[in-house]
C-alpha atoms as a PDB file:
ATOM      1  CA  UNK A   1       3.322 -13.023 -17.953  1.00  0.00           C
ATOM      2  CA  UNK A   2       4.268  -9.828 -19.801  1.00  0.00           C
ATOM      3  CA  UNK A   3       5.873  -8.355 -16.686  1.00  0.00           C
ATOM      4  CA  UNK A   4       7.811 -11.569 -16.209  1.00  0.00           C
ATOM      5  CA  UNK A   5       9.219 -11.286 -19.711  1.00  0.00           C
ATOM      6  CA  UNK A   6      10.135  -7.638 -19.162  1.00  0.00           C
ATOM      7  CA  UNK A   7      11.856  -8.568 -15.916  1.00  0.00           C
ATOM      8  CA  UNK A   8      13.727 -11.355 -17.680  1.00  0.00           C
ATOM      9  CA  UNK A   9      14.862  -8.959 -20.420  1.00  0.00           C
ATOM     10  CA  UNK A  10      16.143  -6.529 -17.789  1.00  0.00           C
ATOM     11  CA  UNK A  11      18.064  -9.329 -16.111  1.00  0.00           C
ATOM     12  CA  UNK A  12      19.522 -10.376 -19.459  1.00  0.00           C
ATOM     13  CA  UNK A  13      20.900  -6.854 -19.829  1.00  0.00           C
ATOM     14  CA  UNK A  14      22.375  -6.971 -16.324  1.00  0.00           C
ATOM     15  CA  UNK A  15      23.785 -10.516 -16.508  1.00  0.00           C
ATOM     16  CA  UNK A  16      25.091 -10.639 -20.064  1.00  0.00           C
ATOM     17  CA  UNK A  17      26.968 -13.933 -19.583  1.00  0.00           C
ATOM     18  CA  UNK A  18      23.908 -15.871 -18.318  1.00  0.00           C
ATOM     19  CA  UNK A  19      21.492 -17.741 -20.547  1.00  0.00           C
ATOM     20  CA  UNK A  20      17.718 -17.299 -20.384  1.00  0.00           C
ATOM     21  CA  UNK A  21      17.448 -20.673 -18.665  1.00  0.00           C
ATOM     22  CA  UNK A  22      20.055 -19.738 -16.039  1.00  0.00           C
ATOM     23  CA  UNK A  23      18.150 -16.540 -15.316  1.00  0.00           C
ATOM     24  CA  UNK A  24      14.851 -18.415 -15.057  1.00  0.00           C
ATOM     25  CA  UNK A  25      16.463 -20.705 -12.461  1.00  0.00           C
ATOM     26  CA  UNK A  26      17.795 -17.676 -10.559  1.00  0.00           C
ATOM     27  CA  UNK A  27      14.312 -16.171 -10.468  1.00  0.00           C
ATOM     28  CA  UNK A  28      12.783 -19.448  -9.302  1.00  0.00           C
ATOM     29  CA  UNK A  29      15.219 -19.558  -6.380  1.00  0.00           C
ATOM     30  CA  UNK A  30      14.439 -16.032  -5.165  1.00  0.00           C
ATOM     31  CA  UNK A  31      12.821 -15.625  -1.770  1.00  0.00           C
ATOM     32  CA  UNK A  32       9.116 -14.800  -2.146  1.00  0.00           C
ATOM     33  CA  UNK A  33       8.561 -11.060  -1.783  1.00  0.00           C
ATOM     34  CA  UNK A  34       6.235 -11.400   1.214  1.00  0.00           C
ATOM     35  CA  UNK A  35       9.030 -13.165   3.122  1.00  0.00           C
ATOM     36  CA  UNK A  36      11.588 -10.388   2.599  1.00  0.00           C
ATOM     37  CA  UNK A  37      12.067  -7.373   4.838  1.00  0.00           C
ATOM     38  CA  UNK A  38      11.200  -4.997   1.992  1.00  0.00           C
ATOM     39  CA  UNK A  39       8.108  -7.030   1.154  1.00  0.00           C
ATOM     40  CA  UNK A  40       6.940  -6.958   4.761  1.00  0.00           C
ATOM     41  CA  UNK A  41       7.516  -3.194   4.907  1.00  0.00           C
ATOM     42  CA  UNK A  42       5.518  -2.697   1.705  1.00  0.00           C
ATOM     43  CA  UNK A  43       2.712  -4.858   3.043  1.00  0.00           C
ATOM     44  CA  UNK A  44       2.634  -2.924   6.324  1.00  0.00           C
ATOM     45  CA  UNK A  45       2.563   0.377   4.421  1.00  0.00           C
ATOM     46  CA  UNK A  46      -0.362  -0.878   2.351  1.00  0.00           C
ATOM     47  CA  UNK A  47      -2.238  -1.948   5.468  1.00  0.00           C
ATOM     48  CA  UNK A  48      -1.653   1.462   7.072  1.00  0.00           C
ATOM     49  CA  UNK A  49      -2.845   3.280   3.954  1.00  0.00           C
ATOM     50  CA  UNK A  50      -5.913   1.068   3.747  1.00  0.00           C
ATOM     51  CA  UNK A  51      -6.730   1.697   7.396  1.00  0.00           C
ATOM     52  CA  UNK A  52      -6.332   5.465   6.959  1.00  0.00           C
ATOM     53  CA  UNK A  53      -8.603   5.392   3.900  1.00  0.00           C
ATOM     54  CA  UNK A  54     -11.175   3.370   5.825  1.00  0.00           C
ATOM     55  CA  UNK A  55     -11.137   5.867   8.689  1.00  0.00           C
ATOM     56  CA  UNK A  56     -11.495   8.784   6.264  1.00  0.00           C
ATOM     57  CA  UNK A  57     -14.429   7.038   4.561  1.00  0.00           C
ATOM     58  CA  UNK A  58     -16.063   6.397   7.936  1.00  0.00           C
ATOM     59  CA  UNK A  59     -15.669  10.043   8.982  1.00  0.00           C
ATOM     60  CA  UNK A  60     -17.162  11.206   5.681  1.00  0.00           C
ATOM     61  CA  UNK A  61     -20.155   8.845   6.051  1.00  0.00           C
ATOM     62  CA  UNK A  62     -20.738   9.922   9.638  1.00  0.00           C
ATOM     63  CA  UNK A  63     -20.718  13.575   8.599  1.00  0.00           C
ATOM     64  CA  UNK A  64     -23.177  12.772   5.808  1.00  0.00           C
ATOM     65  CA  UNK A  65     -25.462  11.223   8.458  1.00  0.00           C
ATOM     66  CA  UNK A  66     -25.403  14.479  10.399  1.00  0.00           C
ATOM     67  CA  UNK A  67     -22.843  13.646  13.092  1.00  0.00           C
ATOM     68  CA  UNK A  68     -20.792  16.549  14.384  1.00  0.00           C
ATOM     69  CA  UNK A  69     -16.987  16.458  14.444  1.00  0.00           C
ATOM     70  CA  UNK A  70     -17.177  16.241  18.253  1.00  0.00           C
ATOM     71  CA  UNK A  71     -19.457  13.174  18.077  1.00  0.00           C
ATOM     72  CA  UNK A  72     -17.226  11.557  15.478  1.00  0.00           C
ATOM     73  CA  UNK A  73     -14.170  12.229  17.637  1.00  0.00           C
ATOM     74  CA  UNK A  74     -15.837  10.516  20.590  1.00  0.00           C
ATOM     75  CA  UNK A  75     -16.886   7.485  18.532  1.00  0.00           C
ATOM     76  CA  UNK A  76     -13.616   7.016  16.623  1.00  0.00           C
ATOM     77  CA  UNK A  77     -11.022   8.049  19.228  1.00  0.00           C
ATOM     78  CA  UNK A  78      -9.791  10.686  16.781  1.00  0.00           C
ATOM     79  CA  UNK A  79      -9.357  14.277  17.872  1.00  0.00           C
ATOM     80  CA  UNK A  80     -11.504  17.015  16.353  1.00  0.00           C
ATOM     81  CA  UNK A  81      -8.273  18.399  14.867  1.00  0.00           C
ATOM     82  CA  UNK A  82      -7.557  15.043  13.166  1.00  0.00           C
ATOM     83  CA  UNK A  83     -11.085  14.965  11.770  1.00  0.00           C
ATOM     84  CA  UNK A  84     -10.707  18.510  10.469  1.00  0.00           C
ATOM     85  CA  UNK A  85      -7.366  17.557   8.881  1.00  0.00           C
ATOM     86  CA  UNK A  86      -8.940  14.498   7.218  1.00  0.00           C
ATOM     87  CA  UNK A  87     -11.712  16.641   5.799  1.00  0.00           C
ATOM     88  CA  UNK A  88      -9.217  19.200   4.487  1.00  0.00           C
ATOM     89  CA  UNK A  89      -7.216  16.437   2.790  1.00  0.00           C
ATOM     90  CA  UNK A  90     -10.384  15.108   1.166  1.00  0.00           C
ATOM     91  CA  UNK A  91     -11.059  18.545  -0.362  1.00  0.00           C
ATOM     92  CA  UNK A  92      -7.524  18.832  -1.850  1.00  0.00           C
END
């Protein structure tokens, strides 16, 4: 609700000749974000980041259970170099 009001105030600054009601109607007619190209790209980026975080968490748990980088590479289809890179990123 607060963000909606902020957005409306920004639009009022941009469209100085429009009333609040006209702007509310404009907003209501906008294409939903998840149906836009930018929205789909943002969603895909979020999925990729989530997947990468999940893989990093899995590698960390496997190491904690005593698996070697070579074993993890075999089980996850990652290379030993990728596993080493993930571990280095976790330390940074």
